[in-house]
Amino acid sequence: MAENNNNFPHILTASSTLLGLCFVVLTSLRLNNFRDGSIIDEFTAVAIIMFMISSILSYLSMRSKNEPSAVYEKIADFVFLSGLVFLFVTTMLITFNIIK
């Protein structure tokens, strides 16, 4: 029995939504002149890159007609999870005022 987990639509929608959220966070930090947010800026930028890569790979997985689509999907899944970790760290830095 072949297992067919087509997760790419879920990864694509979630990563594109979180990509937009990261842009909002980064923009609000810049507009509010949050001077001590350099680490937060960097973590948010890394999360943006991760979610963008995940979105692109999910899209390629969806559009691919042959077997490499499974490879794209696995890489997109890993990159998406990494982006979530970076977003979590950013949120904890902001929430607990670790950056002063």
Protein backbone atom coordinates (compact mmCIF):
# COMPACT_ATOMS: atom_id res chain seq x y z
CA MET A 1 0.00 0.00 0.00
CA ALA A 2 1.65 3.21 -1.14
CA GLU A 3 1.54 6.09 1.25
CA ASN A 4 0.54 9.33 -0.42
CA ASN A 5 0.86 12.21 2.02
CA ASN A 6 0.43 15.31 -0.07
CA ASN A 7 1.38 17.87 2.54
CA PHE A 8 2.50 20.50 0.07
CA PRO A 9 -0.82 22.41 0.02
CA HIS A 10 -0.74 22.67 3.81
CA ILE A 11 2.90 23.68 3.91
CA LEU A 12 2.34 26.23 1.13
CA THR A 13 -0.60 27.94 2.82
CA ALA A 14 0.92 27.92 6.30
CA SER A 15 4.36 29.10 5.19
CA SER A 16 2.95 31.90 3.05
CA THR A 17 0.77 33.07 5.95
CA LEU A 18 3.69 33.00 8.38
CA LEU A 19 5.86 34.74 5.80
CA GLY A 20 3.38 37.63 5.80
CA LEU A 21 3.35 37.65 9.61
CA CYS A 22 7.14 37.89 9.70
CA PHE A 23 7.04 40.83 7.30
CA VAL A 24 4.54 42.57 9.59
CA VAL A 25 6.78 41.94 12.64
CA LEU A 26 9.87 43.20 10.85
CA THR A 27 8.09 46.27 9.51
CA SER A 28 6.61 47.13 12.91
CA LEU A 29 10.05 46.85 14.52
CA ARG A 30 11.45 49.25 11.94
CA LEU A 31 8.57 51.73 12.18
CA ASN A 32 8.66 51.83 15.99
CA ASN A 33 12.43 52.41 16.03
CA PHE A 34 12.96 49.38 18.23
CA ARG A 35 16.69 49.99 18.55
CA ASP A 36 17.57 46.97 20.63
CA GLY A 37 15.90 44.60 18.25
CA SER A 38 18.94 43.67 16.19
CA ILE A 39 18.82 40.02 17.26
CA ILE A 40 15.05 40.00 16.83
CA ASP A 41 15.49 41.52 13.36
CA GLU A 42 18.01 38.86 12.43
CA PHE A 43 15.88 35.98 13.70
CA THR A 44 12.85 37.36 11.89
CA ALA A 45 14.87 37.72 8.69
CA VAL A 46 16.02 34.11 8.96
CA ALA A 47 12.41 33.01 9.50
CA ILE A 48 11.38 35.01 6.40
CA ILE A 49 14.02 33.23 4.35
CA MET A 50 12.96 29.83 5.71
CA PHE A 51 9.28 30.40 4.99
CA MET A 52 10.05 31.73 1.50
CA ILE A 53 12.17 28.67 0.68
CA SER A 54 9.46 26.42 2.09
CA SER A 55 6.81 28.15 -0.03
CA ILE A 56 8.88 27.83 -3.19
CA LEU A 57 9.66 24.15 -2.58
CA SER A 58 6.01 23.40 -1.80
CA TYR A 59 4.97 25.09 -5.00
CA LEU A 60 7.57 23.14 -6.97
CA SER A 61 6.34 19.94 -5.35
CA MET A 62 2.79 20.76 -6.37
CA ARG A 63 3.77 21.56 -9.96
CA SER A 64 6.14 18.62 -10.43
CA LYS A 65 4.74 15.73 -12.45
CA ASN A 66 7.43 13.19 -11.57
CA GLU A 67 9.09 11.62 -8.52
CA PRO A 68 11.32 14.53 -7.37
CA SER A 69 8.16 16.13 -5.97
CA ALA A 70 8.55 13.92 -2.88
CA VAL A 71 12.07 15.27 -2.40
CA TYR A 72 10.84 18.86 -2.68
CA GLU A 73 8.09 18.12 -0.19
CA LYS A 74 10.46 16.60 2.39
CA ILE A 75 12.88 19.51 2.13
CA ALA A 76 10.00 22.01 2.34
CA ASP A 77 8.72 20.24 5.45
CA PHE A 78 12.11 20.42 7.16
CA VAL A 79 12.68 24.07 6.19
CA PHE A 80 9.15 24.95 7.37
CA LEU A 81 9.81 23.36 10.76
CA SER A 82 13.09 25.29 11.01
CA GLY A 83 11.25 28.52 10.24
CA LEU A 84 8.76 27.74 13.00
CA VAL A 85 11.63 27.32 15.46
CA PHE A 86 13.10 30.68 14.48
CA LEU A 87 9.68 32.32 14.78
CA PHE A 88 9.22 30.74 18.22
CA VAL A 89 12.61 32.03 19.40
CA THR A 90 11.75 35.50 18.11
CA THR A 91 8.43 35.43 19.93
CA MET A 92 10.10 34.36 23.19
CA LEU A 93 12.70 37.12 22.87
CA ILE A 94 9.96 39.71 22.48
CA THR A 95 7.62 38.24 25.11
CA PHE A 96 10.12 37.84 27.92
CA ASN A 97 12.00 41.06 27.15
CA ILE A 98 15.29 39.20 26.91
CA ILE A 99 16.58 41.95 24.64
CA LYS A 100 16.79 45.19 26.63
